[in-house]
C-alpha atoms as a PDB file:
ATOM      1  CA  UNK A   1      15.886   7.861   4.550  1.00  0.00           C
ATOM      2  CA  UNK A   2      15.840   5.351   2.331  1.00  0.00           C
ATOM      3  CA  UNK A   3      13.034   4.030  -0.388  1.00  0.00           C
ATOM      4  CA  UNK A   4      10.866   1.580  -1.638  1.00  0.00           C
ATOM      5  CA  UNK A   5      10.382   1.559  -5.550  1.00  0.00           C
ATOM      6  CA  UNK A   6       7.763  -1.495  -6.742  1.00  0.00           C
ATOM      7  CA  UNK A   7       5.614  -1.908  -9.637  1.00  0.00           C
ATOM      8  CA  UNK A   8       1.927  -3.250  -9.052  1.00  0.00           C
ATOM      9  CA  UNK A   9       0.539  -5.320 -11.346  1.00  0.00           C
ATOM     10  CA  UNK A  10      -3.471  -5.711 -11.341  1.00  0.00           C
ATOM     11  CA  UNK A  11      -4.367  -9.188 -10.482  1.00  0.00           C
ATOM     12  CA  UNK A  12      -8.000  -8.924  -9.552  1.00  0.00           C
ATOM     13  CA  UNK A  13      -8.486  -9.659  -5.211  1.00  0.00           C
ATOM     14  CA  UNK A  14      -5.048 -10.425  -4.522  1.00  0.00           C
ATOM     15  CA  UNK A  15      -2.882  -8.831  -1.908  1.00  0.00           C
ATOM     16  CA  UNK A  16       0.465  -7.582  -1.991  1.00  0.00           C
ATOM     17  CA  UNK A  17       3.128  -6.830   0.719  1.00  0.00           C
ATOM     18  CA  UNK A  18       4.629  -3.119   0.240  1.00  0.00           C
ATOM     19  CA  UNK A  19       6.615  -3.318   3.415  1.00  0.00           C
ATOM     20  CA  UNK A  20       7.170  -5.995   5.810  1.00  0.00           C
ATOM     21  CA  UNK A  21       7.235  -5.963   9.268  1.00  0.00           C
ATOM     22  CA  UNK A  22      10.560  -5.389  11.140  1.00  0.00           C
ATOM     23  CA  UNK A  23      12.699  -5.821  13.727  1.00  0.00           C
ATOM     24  CA  UNK A  24      12.853  -2.323  14.784  1.00  0.00           C
ATOM     25  CA  UNK A  25      10.385   0.730  14.784  1.00  0.00           C
ATOM     26  CA  UNK A  26      10.985   2.838  11.225  1.00  0.00           C
ATOM     27  CA  UNK A  27       8.682   5.257   9.764  1.00  0.00           C
ATOM     28  CA  UNK A  28       6.683   5.728   6.371  1.00  0.00           C
ATOM     29  CA  UNK A  29       7.395   9.312   5.937  1.00  0.00           C
ATOM     30  CA  UNK A  30       6.097   9.416   2.732  1.00  0.00           C
ATOM     31  CA  UNK A  31       3.534   6.747  -0.061  1.00  0.00           C
ATOM     32  CA  UNK A  32       2.923   7.414  -3.288  1.00  0.00           C
ATOM     33  CA  UNK A  33       0.484   5.783  -6.077  1.00  0.00           C
ATOM     34  CA  UNK A  34       0.754   6.596  -9.475  1.00  0.00           C
ATOM     35  CA  UNK A  35      -1.818   4.956 -11.640  1.00  0.00           C
ATOM     36  CA  UNK A  36       0.337   4.426 -14.977  1.00  0.00           C
ATOM     37  CA  UNK A  37      -2.137   2.079 -17.212  1.00  0.00           C
ATOM     38  CA  UNK A  38      -2.643   3.929 -20.329  1.00  0.00           C
ATOM     39  CA  UNK A  39      -6.765   3.619 -19.875  1.00  0.00           C
ATOM     40  CA  UNK A  40      -7.852   2.329 -16.528  1.00  0.00           C
ATOM     41  CA  UNK A  41      -8.367   3.570 -14.108  1.00  0.00           C
ATOM     42  CA  UNK A  42      -7.041   1.717 -11.006  1.00  0.00           C
ATOM     43  CA  UNK A  43      -9.400   0.841  -7.894  1.00  0.00           C
ATOM     44  CA  UNK A  44      -7.230   0.232  -4.514  1.00  0.00           C
ATOM     45  CA  UNK A  45      -7.408  -0.331  -1.203  1.00  0.00           C
ATOM     46  CA  UNK A  46      -3.719   0.084   1.187  1.00  0.00           C
ATOM     47  CA  UNK A  47      -4.459  -1.690   4.597  1.00  0.00           C
ATOM     48  CA  UNK A  48      -2.165  -3.227   7.473  1.00  0.00           C
ATOM     49  CA  UNK A  49      -2.321  -6.363   8.606  1.00  0.00           C
ATOM     50  CA  UNK A  50      -1.363  -7.988  12.017  1.00  0.00           C
ATOM     51  CA  UNK A  51      -1.090 -12.732  11.799  1.00  0.00           C
ATOM     52  CA  UNK A  52      -2.845 -13.173  14.928  1.00  0.00           C
ATOM     53  CA  UNK A  53      -0.996 -13.866  18.548  1.00  0.00           C
ATOM     54  CA  UNK A  54      -4.369 -15.371  19.458  1.00  0.00           C
ATOM     55  CA  UNK A  55      -7.349 -16.436  17.469  1.00  0.00           C
ATOM     56  CA  UNK A  56      -8.515 -12.821  15.623  1.00  0.00           C
ATOM     57  CA  UNK A  57      -6.697 -11.431  12.742  1.00  0.00           C
ATOM     58  CA  UNK A  58      -6.600  -7.590  12.493  1.00  0.00           C
ATOM     59  CA  UNK A  59      -6.755  -6.071   8.765  1.00  0.00           C
ATOM     60  CA  UNK A  60      -6.899  -1.930   9.386  1.00  0.00           C
ATOM     61  CA  UNK A  61      -7.963   0.214   6.036  1.00  0.00           C
ATOM     62  CA  UNK A  62      -6.204   2.946   5.542  1.00  0.00           C
ATOM     63  CA  UNK A  63      -7.468   3.021   1.627  1.00  0.00           C
ATOM     64  CA  UNK A  64     -10.290   1.157   0.350  1.00  0.00           C
ATOM     65  CA  UNK A  65     -11.394   1.167  -2.949  1.00  0.00           C
ATOM     66  CA  UNK A  66      -9.982   4.640  -3.644  1.00  0.00           C
ATOM     67  CA  UNK A  67     -10.392   5.538  -7.947  1.00  0.00           C
ATOM     68  CA  UNK A  68      -6.672   6.559  -9.071  1.00  0.00           C
ATOM     69  CA  UNK A  69      -7.861   8.016 -12.110  1.00  0.00           C
ATOM     70  CA  UNK A  70      -5.176   7.634 -15.521  1.00  0.00           C
ATOM     71  CA  UNK A  71      -2.130   9.903 -15.012  1.00  0.00           C
ATOM     72  CA  UNK A  72      -2.869  10.730 -11.732  1.00  0.00           C
ATOM     73  CA  UNK A  73      -0.372   9.772  -8.690  1.00  0.00           C
ATOM     74  CA  UNK A  74      -1.973  10.272  -4.811  1.00  0.00           C
ATOM     75  CA  UNK A  75       0.469  11.219  -2.914  1.00  0.00           C
ATOM     76  CA  UNK A  76      -0.189  10.668   1.582  1.00  0.00           C
ATOM     77  CA  UNK A  77       2.293  11.489   3.866  1.00  0.00           C
ATOM     78  CA  UNK A  78       3.200  10.025   7.817  1.00  0.00           C
ATOM     79  CA  UNK A  79      -0.084  10.964   9.213  1.00  0.00           C
ATOM     80  CA  UNK A  80      -2.243   9.170   6.475  1.00  0.00           C
ATOM     81  CA  UNK A  81       0.019   6.339   6.508  1.00  0.00           C
ATOM     82  CA  UNK A  82       1.698   5.931  10.737  1.00  0.00           C
ATOM     83  CA  UNK A  83       1.579   2.994  12.209  1.00  0.00           C
ATOM     84  CA  UNK A  84       3.467   0.127  14.365  1.00  0.00           C
ATOM     85  CA  UNK A  85       6.171  -1.514  11.956  1.00  0.00           C
ATOM     86  CA  UNK A  86       7.069  -3.771  14.227  1.00  0.00           C
ATOM     87  CA  UNK A  87       3.654  -5.543  14.868  1.00  0.00           C
ATOM     88  CA  UNK A  88       2.084  -4.446  11.243  1.00  0.00           C
ATOM     89  CA  UNK A  89       2.626  -5.306   7.524  1.00  0.00           C
ATOM     90  CA  UNK A  90       1.373  -2.966   4.864  1.00  0.00           C
ATOM     91  CA  UNK A  91      -0.610  -4.543   1.688  1.00  0.00           C
ATOM     92  CA  UNK A  92      -1.894  -3.340  -1.271  1.00  0.00           C
ATOM     93  CA  UNK A  93      -4.509  -4.246  -3.720  1.00  0.00           C
ATOM     94  CA  UNK A  94      -5.067  -3.187  -6.976  1.00  0.00           C
ATOM     95  CA  UNK A  95      -8.917  -4.257  -7.843  1.00  0.00           C
ATOM     96  CA  UNK A  96      -8.680  -4.109 -11.396  1.00  0.00           C
ATOM     97  CA  UNK A  97      -7.530  -6.686 -13.228  1.00  0.00           C
ATOM     98  CA  UNK A  98      -6.162  -4.867 -16.288  1.00  0.00           C
ATOM     99  CA  UNK A  99      -4.319  -2.145 -13.893  1.00  0.00           C
ATOM    100  CA  UNK A 100      -0.768  -1.106 -13.252  1.00  0.00           C
ATOM    101  CA  UNK A 101       0.983   1.328 -10.833  1.00  0.00           C
ATOM    102  CA  UNK A 102       4.007   2.436  -9.283  1.00  0.00           C
ATOM    103  CA  UNK A 103       4.684   2.975  -5.554  1.00  0.00           C
ATOM    104  CA  UNK A 104       7.308   4.704  -4.145  1.00  0.00           C
ATOM    105  CA  UNK A 105       8.044   4.670  -0.028  1.00  0.00           C
ATOM    106  CA  UNK A 106       9.983   6.952   1.771  1.00  0.00           C
ATOM    107  CA  UNK A 107      11.140   5.631   5.184  1.00  0.00           C
ATOM    108  CA  UNK A 108      13.462   6.929   8.121  1.00  0.00           C
END
């Protein structure tokens, strides 16, 4: 079991990679998103994206426009964030410029 911890600061409309597509199958066991900003609600998009092998791209939302109150943590388990880690990359997007979250991914 491994862990990935990241601090993400809002940059309105900018997506950041949480977990890059791997060469071997891994499983995301859990993902927590903690709003650590002092006074702003964090608005979060969480999605997976597969680079095109044809003329179309594939983007699938796991969470869209979720508001996380100050001091609140959202925890997702494997059934919430399960996807093919060999083909897709996991991204997060903070919709508010003034926001900050801590991320913890548990992977096997």
